[in-house]
Amino acid sequence: MIDKVFDHGRPGVDEGEVSGVDRVMPETVAVLAATDDARLREYAEDELLDDHEIERITALRDLAREAVRLNHGMYRWLCV
């Protein structure tokens, strides 16, 4: 499933840690950007999200809207 959401980035290894950047697929960004507040509330209720999680998912949606408006991509940084 994750392969369908993110393009494969190039992970790096530094002192035993793996890190990298993945590009979020434009289709995923578009769907997130199009999600309205009512749907976010429904999702939050279904997933039992707390206020902090709701704020984060709303901010992520707003970031997706800005990316679509500016015709930019979104990226995920990963470090394990």
PDB file of N, CA and C in Angstrom:
ATOM      1  N   MET A   1       0.820  -1.196   0.000  1.00  0.00           N
ATOM      2  CA  MET A   1       0.000   0.000   0.000  1.00  0.00           C
ATOM      3  C   MET A   1       0.860   1.254   0.000  1.00  0.00           C
ATOM      4  N   ILE A   2       1.881   1.312   0.832  1.00  0.00           N
ATOM      5  CA  ILE A   2       2.709   2.505   0.911  1.00  0.00           C
ATOM      6  C   ILE A   2       3.366   2.807  -0.427  1.00  0.00           C
ATOM      7  N   ASP A   3       3.678   1.776  -1.216  1.00  0.00           N
ATOM      8  CA  ASP A   3       4.282   1.987  -2.525  1.00  0.00           C
ATOM      9  C   ASP A   3       3.343   2.743  -3.453  1.00  0.00           C
ATOM     10  N   LYS A   4       2.045   2.640  -3.244  1.00  0.00           N
ATOM     11  CA  LYS A   4       1.085   3.322  -4.086  1.00  0.00           C
ATOM     12  C   LYS A   4       0.951   4.789  -3.706  1.00  0.00           C
ATOM     13  N   VAL A   5       1.329   5.150  -2.488  1.00  0.00           N
ATOM     14  CA  VAL A   5       1.200   6.523  -2.016  1.00  0.00           C
ATOM     15  C   VAL A   5       2.470   7.315  -2.263  1.00  0.00           C
ATOM     16  N   PHE A   6       3.625   6.692  -2.063  1.00  0.00           N
ATOM     17  CA  PHE A   6       4.886   7.404  -2.169  1.00  0.00           C
ATOM     18  C   PHE A   6       5.741   6.851  -3.300  1.00  0.00           C
ATOM     19  N   ASP A   7       6.375   7.759  -4.034  1.00  0.00           N
ATOM     20  CA  ASP A   7       7.407   7.348  -4.976  1.00  0.00           C
ATOM     21  C   ASP A   7       8.600   6.905  -4.142  1.00  0.00           C
ATOM     22  N   HIS A   8       9.432   6.076  -4.682  1.00  0.00           N
ATOM     23  CA  HIS A   8      10.603   5.619  -3.941  1.00  0.00           C
ATOM     24  C   HIS A   8      11.685   6.686  -3.953  1.00  0.00           C
ATOM     25  N   GLY A   9      12.108   7.096  -2.762  1.00  0.00           N
ATOM     26  CA  GLY A   9      13.209   8.045  -2.630  1.00  0.00           C
ATOM     27  C   GLY A   9      14.508   7.272  -2.545  1.00  0.00           C
ATOM     28  N   ARG A  10      15.568   7.969  -2.289  1.00  0.00           N
ATOM     29  CA  ARG A  10      16.873   7.338  -2.148  1.00  0.00           C
ATOM     30  C   ARG A  10      17.289   7.431  -0.694  1.00  0.00           C
ATOM     31  N   PRO A  11      17.162   6.342   0.034  1.00  0.00           N
ATOM     32  CA  PRO A  11      17.538   6.399   1.445  1.00  0.00           C
ATOM     33  C   PRO A  11      19.044   6.525   1.605  1.00  0.00           C
ATOM     34  N   GLY A  12      19.444   7.174   2.675  1.00  0.00           N
ATOM     35  CA  GLY A  12      20.849   7.280   3.016  1.00  0.00           C
ATOM     36  C   GLY A  12      21.089   6.614   4.354  1.00  0.00           C
ATOM     37  N   VAL A  13      22.293   6.204   4.617  1.00  0.00           N
ATOM     38  CA  VAL A  13      22.630   5.559   5.885  1.00  0.00           C
ATOM     39  C   VAL A  13      23.725   6.385   6.547  1.00  0.00           C
ATOM     40  N   ASP A  14      23.493   6.744   7.817  1.00  0.00           N
ATOM     41  CA  ASP A  14      24.467   7.523   8.567  1.00  0.00           C
ATOM     42  C   ASP A  14      24.495   6.996   9.993  1.00  0.00           C
ATOM     43  N   GLU A  15      25.601   6.391  10.372  1.00  0.00           N
ATOM     44  CA  GLU A  15      25.792   5.859  11.725  1.00  0.00           C
ATOM     45  C   GLU A  15      24.646   4.934  12.144  1.00  0.00           C
ATOM     46  N   GLY A  16      24.239   4.068  11.248  1.00  0.00           N
ATOM     47  CA  GLY A  16      23.212   3.086  11.572  1.00  0.00           C
ATOM     48  C   GLY A  16      21.789   3.577  11.400  1.00  0.00           C
ATOM     49  N   GLU A  17      21.601   4.828  11.070  1.00  0.00           N
ATOM     50  CA  GLU A  17      20.265   5.366  10.842  1.00  0.00           C
ATOM     51  C   GLU A  17      20.004   5.443   9.345  1.00  0.00           C
ATOM     52  N   VAL A  18      18.784   5.178   8.966  1.00  0.00           N
ATOM     53  CA  VAL A  18      18.376   5.285   7.574  1.00  0.00           C
ATOM     54  C   VAL A  18      17.480   6.510   7.449  1.00  0.00           C
ATOM     55  N   SER A  19      17.736   7.323   6.449  1.00  0.00           N
ATOM     56  CA  SER A  19      16.897   8.493   6.226  1.00  0.00           C
ATOM     57  C   SER A  19      16.697   8.695   4.728  1.00  0.00           C
ATOM     58  N   GLY A  20      15.681   9.441   4.401  1.00  0.00           N
ATOM     59  CA  GLY A  20      15.419   9.712   2.999  1.00  0.00           C
ATOM     60  C   GLY A  20      14.201  10.590   2.833  1.00  0.00           C
ATOM     61  N   VAL A  21      13.928  10.966   1.610  1.00  0.00           N
ATOM     62  CA  VAL A  21      12.787  11.803   1.270  1.00  0.00           C
ATOM     63  C   VAL A  21      11.998  11.099   0.174  1.00  0.00           C
ATOM     64  N   ASP A  22      10.693  11.014   0.379  1.00  0.00           N
ATOM     65  CA  ASP A  22       9.794  10.423  -0.609  1.00  0.00           C
ATOM     66  C   ASP A  22       8.838  11.492  -1.113  1.00  0.00           C
ATOM     67  N   ARG A  23       8.553  11.467  -2.392  1.00  0.00           N
ATOM     68  CA  ARG A  23       7.568  12.378  -2.971  1.00  0.00           C
ATOM     69  C   ARG A  23       6.187  11.759  -2.844  1.00  0.00           C
ATOM     70  N   VAL A  24       5.239  12.535  -2.303  1.00  0.00           N
ATOM     71  CA  VAL A  24       3.851  12.084  -2.224  1.00  0.00           C
ATOM     72  C   VAL A  24       3.269  12.173  -3.628  1.00  0.00           C
ATOM     73  N   MET A  25       2.593  11.125  -4.045  1.00  0.00           N
ATOM     74  CA  MET A  25       2.022  11.105  -5.398  1.00  0.00           C
ATOM     75  C   MET A  25       1.036  12.264  -5.567  1.00  0.00           C
ATOM     76  N   PRO A  26       1.068  12.949  -6.706  1.00  0.00           N
ATOM     77  CA  PRO A  26       0.184  14.091  -6.938  1.00  0.00           C
ATOM     78  C   PRO A  26      -1.305  13.761  -6.743  1.00  0.00           C
ATOM     79  N   GLU A  27      -1.701  12.551  -7.087  1.00  0.00           N
ATOM     80  CA  GLU A  27      -3.098  12.155  -6.910  1.00  0.00           C
ATOM     81  C   GLU A  27      -3.486  12.164  -5.433  1.00  0.00           C
ATOM     82  N   THR A  28      -2.573  11.741  -4.584  1.00  0.00           N
ATOM     83  CA  THR A  28      -2.827  11.722  -3.144  1.00  0.00           C
ATOM     84  C   THR A  28      -2.935  13.145  -2.612  1.00  0.00           C
ATOM     85  N   VAL A  29      -2.049  14.023  -3.065  1.00  0.00           N
ATOM     86  CA  VAL A  29      -2.086  15.426  -2.650  1.00  0.00           C
ATOM     87  C   VAL A  29      -3.411  16.055  -3.076  1.00  0.00           C
ATOM     88  N   ALA A  30      -3.857  15.778  -4.290  1.00  0.00           N
ATOM     89  CA  ALA A  30      -5.112  16.347  -4.799  1.00  0.00           C
ATOM     90  C   ALA A  30      -6.313  15.888  -3.981  1.00  0.00           C
ATOM     91  N   VAL A  31      -6.351  14.613  -3.642  1.00  0.00           N
ATOM     92  CA  VAL A  31      -7.470  14.090  -2.853  1.00  0.00           C
ATOM     93  C   VAL A  31      -7.468  14.707  -1.458  1.00  0.00           C
ATOM     94  N   LEU A  32      -6.306  14.784  -0.837  1.00  0.00           N
ATOM     95  CA  LEU A  32      -6.215  15.390   0.484  1.00  0.00           C
ATOM     96  C   LEU A  32      -6.631  16.852   0.432  1.00  0.00           C
ATOM     97  N   ALA A  33      -6.171  17.579  -0.574  1.00  0.00           N
ATOM     98  CA  ALA A  33      -6.520  18.997  -0.717  1.00  0.00           C
ATOM     99  C   ALA A  33      -8.020  19.201  -0.891  1.00  0.00           C
ATOM    100  N   ALA A  34      -8.680  18.261  -1.527  1.00  0.00           N
ATOM    101  CA  ALA A  34     -10.117  18.376  -1.802  1.00  0.00           C
ATOM    102  C   ALA A  34     -10.988  17.953  -0.616  1.00  0.00           C
ATOM    103  N   THR A  35     -10.380  17.445   0.437  1.00  0.00           N
ATOM    104  CA  THR A  35     -11.136  16.974   1.591  1.00  0.00           C
ATOM    105  C   THR A  35     -11.660  18.165   2.394  1.00  0.00           C
ATOM    106  N   ASP A  36     -12.980  18.199   2.597  1.00  0.00           N
ATOM    107  CA  ASP A  36     -13.563  19.328   3.325  1.00  0.00           C
ATOM    108  C   ASP A  36     -13.581  19.068   4.840  1.00  0.00           C
ATOM    109  N   ASP A  37     -13.922  20.115   5.598  1.00  0.00           N
ATOM    110  CA  ASP A  37     -13.910  20.019   7.059  1.00  0.00           C
ATOM    111  C   ASP A  37     -14.873  18.963   7.582  1.00  0.00           C
ATOM    112  N   ALA A  38     -16.031  18.826   6.954  1.00  0.00           N
ATOM    113  CA  ALA A  38     -17.005  17.830   7.407  1.00  0.00           C
ATOM    114  C   ALA A  38     -16.434  16.422   7.292  1.00  0.00           C
ATOM    115  N   ARG A  39     -15.765  16.146   6.197  1.00  0.00           N
ATOM    116  CA  ARG A  39     -15.152  14.817   6.017  1.00  0.00           C
ATOM    117  C   ARG A  39     -14.022  14.597   7.007  1.00  0.00           C
ATOM    118  N   LEU A  40     -13.238  15.641   7.284  1.00  0.00           N
ATOM    119  CA  LEU A  40     -12.183  15.511   8.286  1.00  0.00           C
ATOM    120  C   LEU A  40     -12.769  15.210   9.667  1.00  0.00           C
ATOM    121  N   ARG A  41     -13.862  15.882  10.026  1.00  0.00           N
ATOM    122  CA  ARG A  41     -14.521  15.607  11.323  1.00  0.00           C
ATOM    123  C   ARG A  41     -15.032  14.172  11.374  1.00  0.00           C
ATOM    124  N   GLU A  42     -15.620  13.716  10.274  1.00  0.00           N
ATOM    125  CA  GLU A  42     -16.117  12.339  10.210  1.00  0.00           C
ATOM    126  C   GLU A  42     -14.967  11.348  10.396  1.00  0.00           C
ATOM    127  N   TYR A  43     -13.858  11.602   9.703  1.00  0.00           N
ATOM    128  CA  TYR A  43     -12.672  10.752   9.824  1.00  0.00           C
ATOM    129  C   TYR A  43     -12.162  10.760  11.264  1.00  0.00           C
ATOM    130  N   ALA A  44     -12.087  11.946  11.866  1.00  0.00           N
ATOM    131  CA  ALA A  44     -11.597  12.071  13.239  1.00  0.00           C
ATOM    132  C   ALA A  44     -12.468  11.286  14.215  1.00  0.00           C
ATOM    133  N   GLU A  45     -13.773  11.339  14.015  1.00  0.00           N
ATOM    134  CA  GLU A  45     -14.691  10.577  14.876  1.00  0.00           C
ATOM    135  C   GLU A  45     -14.518   9.078  14.666  1.00  0.00           C
ATOM    136  N   ASP A  46     -14.422   8.651  13.417  1.00  0.00           N
ATOM    137  CA  ASP A  46     -14.254   7.226  13.112  1.00  0.00           C
ATOM    138  C   ASP A  46     -12.962   6.673  13.703  1.00  0.00           C
ATOM    139  N   GLU A  47     -11.893   7.469  13.660  1.00  0.00           N
ATOM    140  CA  GLU A  47     -10.575   7.018  14.113  1.00  0.00           C
ATOM    141  C   GLU A  47     -10.277   7.400  15.563  1.00  0.00           C
ATOM    142  N   LEU A  48     -11.251   8.049  16.232  1.00  0.00           N
ATOM    143  CA  LEU A  48     -11.113   8.458  17.632  1.00  0.00           C
ATOM    144  C   LEU A  48      -9.881   9.344  17.846  1.00  0.00           C
ATOM    145  N   LEU A  49      -9.688  10.298  16.951  1.00  0.00           N
ATOM    146  CA  LEU A  49      -8.544  11.192  17.041  1.00  0.00           C
ATOM    147  C   LEU A  49      -8.755  12.218  18.146  1.00  0.00           C
ATOM    148  N   ASP A  50      -7.662  12.592  18.819  1.00  0.00           N
ATOM    149  CA  ASP A  50      -7.763  13.641  19.826  1.00  0.00           C
ATOM    150  C   ASP A  50      -7.565  15.003  19.147  1.00  0.00           C
ATOM    151  N   ASP A  51      -7.707  16.085  19.920  1.00  0.00           N
ATOM    152  CA  ASP A  51      -7.631  17.427  19.342  1.00  0.00           C
ATOM    153  C   ASP A  51      -6.305  17.693  18.652  1.00  0.00           C
ATOM    154  N   HIS A  52      -5.213  17.240  19.241  1.00  0.00           N
ATOM    155  CA  HIS A  52      -3.900  17.443  18.646  1.00  0.00           C
ATOM    156  C   HIS A  52      -3.800  16.746  17.283  1.00  0.00           C
ATOM    157  N   GLU A  53      -4.283  15.528  17.191  1.00  0.00           N
ATOM    158  CA  GLU A  53      -4.250  14.787  15.924  1.00  0.00           C
ATOM    159  C   GLU A  53      -5.133  15.454  14.875  1.00  0.00           C
ATOM    160  N   ILE A  54      -6.272  15.983  15.303  1.00  0.00           N
ATOM    161  CA  ILE A  54      -7.170  16.675  14.376  1.00  0.00           C
ATOM    162  C   ILE A  54      -6.492  17.932  13.834  1.00  0.00           C
ATOM    163  N   GLU A  55      -5.799  18.665  14.704  1.00  0.00           N
ATOM    164  CA  GLU A  55      -5.073  19.854  14.258  1.00  0.00           C
ATOM    165  C   GLU A  55      -4.001  19.485  13.242  1.00  0.00           C
ATOM    166  N   ARG A  56      -3.295  18.387  13.487  1.00  0.00           N
ATOM    167  CA  ARG A  56      -2.216  17.973  12.577  1.00  0.00           C
ATOM    168  C   ARG A  56      -2.770  17.543  11.220  1.00  0.00           C
ATOM    169  N   ILE A  57      -3.849  16.770  11.208  1.00  0.00           N
ATOM    170  CA  ILE A  57      -4.397  16.314   9.928  1.00  0.00           C
ATOM    171  C   ILE A  57      -5.004  17.492   9.156  1.00  0.00           C
ATOM    172  N   THR A  58      -5.577  18.452   9.886  1.00  0.00           N
ATOM    173  CA  THR A  58      -6.109  19.653   9.231  1.00  0.00           C
ATOM    174  C   THR A  58      -4.975  20.481   8.637  1.00  0.00           C
ATOM    175  N   ALA A  59      -3.878  20.619   9.369  1.00  0.00           N
ATOM    176  CA  ALA A  59      -2.720  21.354   8.856  1.00  0.00           C
ATOM    177  C   ALA A  59      -2.131  20.661   7.633  1.00  0.00           C
ATOM    178  N   LEU A  60      -2.104  19.328   7.647  1.00  0.00           N
ATOM    179  CA  LEU A  60      -1.611  18.571   6.497  1.00  0.00           C
ATOM    180  C   LEU A  60      -2.508  18.807   5.287  1.00  0.00           C
ATOM    181  N   ARG A  61      -3.817  18.787   5.502  1.00  0.00           N
ATOM    182  CA  ARG A  61      -4.765  19.070   4.418  1.00  0.00           C
ATOM    183  C   ARG A  61      -4.547  20.476   3.869  1.00  0.00           C
ATOM    184  N   ASP A  62      -4.353  21.445   4.773  1.00  0.00           N
ATOM    185  CA  ASP A  62      -4.130  22.826   4.338  1.00  0.00           C
ATOM    186  C   ASP A  62      -2.824  22.955   3.555  1.00  0.00           C
ATOM    187  N   LEU A  63      -1.810  22.219   3.961  1.00  0.00           N
ATOM    188  CA  LEU A  63      -0.546  22.206   3.229  1.00  0.00           C
ATOM    189  C   LEU A  63      -0.745  21.620   1.824  1.00  0.00           C
ATOM    190  N   ALA A  64      -1.553  20.572   1.734  1.00  0.00           N
ATOM    191  CA  ALA A  64      -1.862  19.980   0.425  1.00  0.00           C
ATOM    192  C   ALA A  64      -2.601  20.984  -0.460  1.00  0.00           C
ATOM    193  N   ARG A  65      -3.515  21.746   0.133  1.00  0.00           N
ATOM    194  CA  ARG A  65      -4.228  22.771  -0.639  1.00  0.00           C
ATOM    195  C   ARG A  65      -3.256  23.819  -1.184  1.00  0.00           C
ATOM    196  N   GLU A  66      -2.310  24.227  -0.348  1.00  0.00           N
ATOM    197  CA  GLU A  66      -1.319  25.212  -0.787  1.00  0.00           C
ATOM    198  C   GLU A  66      -0.440  24.634  -1.891  1.00  0.00           C
ATOM    199  N   ALA A  67      -0.055  23.374  -1.763  1.00  0.00           N
ATOM    200  CA  ALA A  67       0.764  22.724  -2.792  1.00  0.00           C
ATOM    201  C   ALA A  67       0.015  22.675  -4.122  1.00  0.00           C
ATOM    202  N   VAL A  68      -1.265  22.345  -4.080  1.00  0.00           N
ATOM    203  CA  VAL A  68      -2.067  22.301  -5.312  1.00  0.00           C
ATOM    204  C   VAL A  68      -2.190  23.701  -5.906  1.00  0.00           C
ATOM    205  N   ARG A  69      -2.465  24.684  -5.050  1.00  0.00           N
ATOM    206  CA  ARG A  69      -2.622  26.062  -5.518  1.00  0.00           C
ATOM    207  C   ARG A  69      -1.359  26.568  -6.218  1.00  0.00           C
ATOM    208  N   LEU A  70      -0.204  26.207  -5.676  1.00  0.00           N
ATOM    209  CA  LEU A  70       1.064  26.667  -6.230  1.00  0.00           C
ATOM    210  C   LEU A  70       1.651  25.716  -7.271  1.00  0.00           C
ATOM    211  N   ASN A  71       0.935  24.604  -7.514  1.00  0.00           N
ATOM    212  CA  ASN A  71       1.410  23.576  -8.438  1.00  0.00           C
ATOM    213  C   ASN A  71       2.771  23.022  -7.995  1.00  0.00           C
ATOM    214  N   HIS A  72       2.884  22.771  -6.685  1.00  0.00           N
ATOM    215  CA  HIS A  72       4.086  22.192  -6.089  1.00  0.00           C
ATOM    216  C   HIS A  72       3.806  20.775  -5.629  1.00  0.00           C
ATOM    217  N   GLY A  73       4.847  20.046  -5.323  1.00  0.00           N
ATOM    218  CA  GLY A  73       4.698  18.707  -4.776  1.00  0.00           C
ATOM    219  C   GLY A  73       4.775  18.722  -3.260  1.00  0.00           C
ATOM    220  N   MET A  74       4.484  17.591  -2.672  1.00  0.00           N
ATOM    221  CA  MET A  74       4.658  17.394  -1.234  1.00  0.00           C
ATOM    222  C   MET A  74       5.615  16.228  -1.044  1.00  0.00           C
ATOM    223  N   TYR A  75       6.381  16.303   0.027  1.00  0.00           N
ATOM    224  CA  TYR A  75       7.417  15.304   0.279  1.00  0.00           C
ATOM    225  C   TYR A  75       7.349  14.861   1.735  1.00  0.00           C
ATOM    226  N   ARG A  76       7.820  13.628   1.984  1.00  0.00           N
ATOM    227  CA  ARG A  76       7.864  13.067   3.334  1.00  0.00           C
ATOM    228  C   ARG A  76       9.318  12.761   3.641  1.00  0.00           C
ATOM    229  N   TRP A  77       9.776  13.263   4.760  1.00  0.00           N
ATOM    230  CA  TRP A  77      11.118  12.965   5.236  1.00  0.00           C
ATOM    231  C   TRP A  77      11.014  11.803   6.217  1.00  0.00           C
ATOM    232  N   LEU A  78      11.932  10.872   6.132  1.00  0.00           N
ATOM    233  CA  LEU A  78      11.904   9.650   6.930  1.00  0.00           C
ATOM    234  C   LEU A  78      13.258   9.432   7.575  1.00  0.00           C
ATOM    235  N   CYS A  79      13.245   9.081   8.849  1.00  0.00           N
ATOM    236  CA  CYS A  79      14.493   8.744   9.546  1.00  0.00           C
ATOM    237  C   CYS A  79      14.184   7.660  10.563  1.00  0.00           C
ATOM    238  N   VAL A  80      14.817   6.512  10.415  1.00  0.00           N
ATOM    239  CA  VAL A  80      14.648   5.406  11.374  1.00  0.00           C
ATOM    240  C   VAL A  80      16.003   4.886  11.793  1.00  0.00           C
TER     241      VAL A  80
END
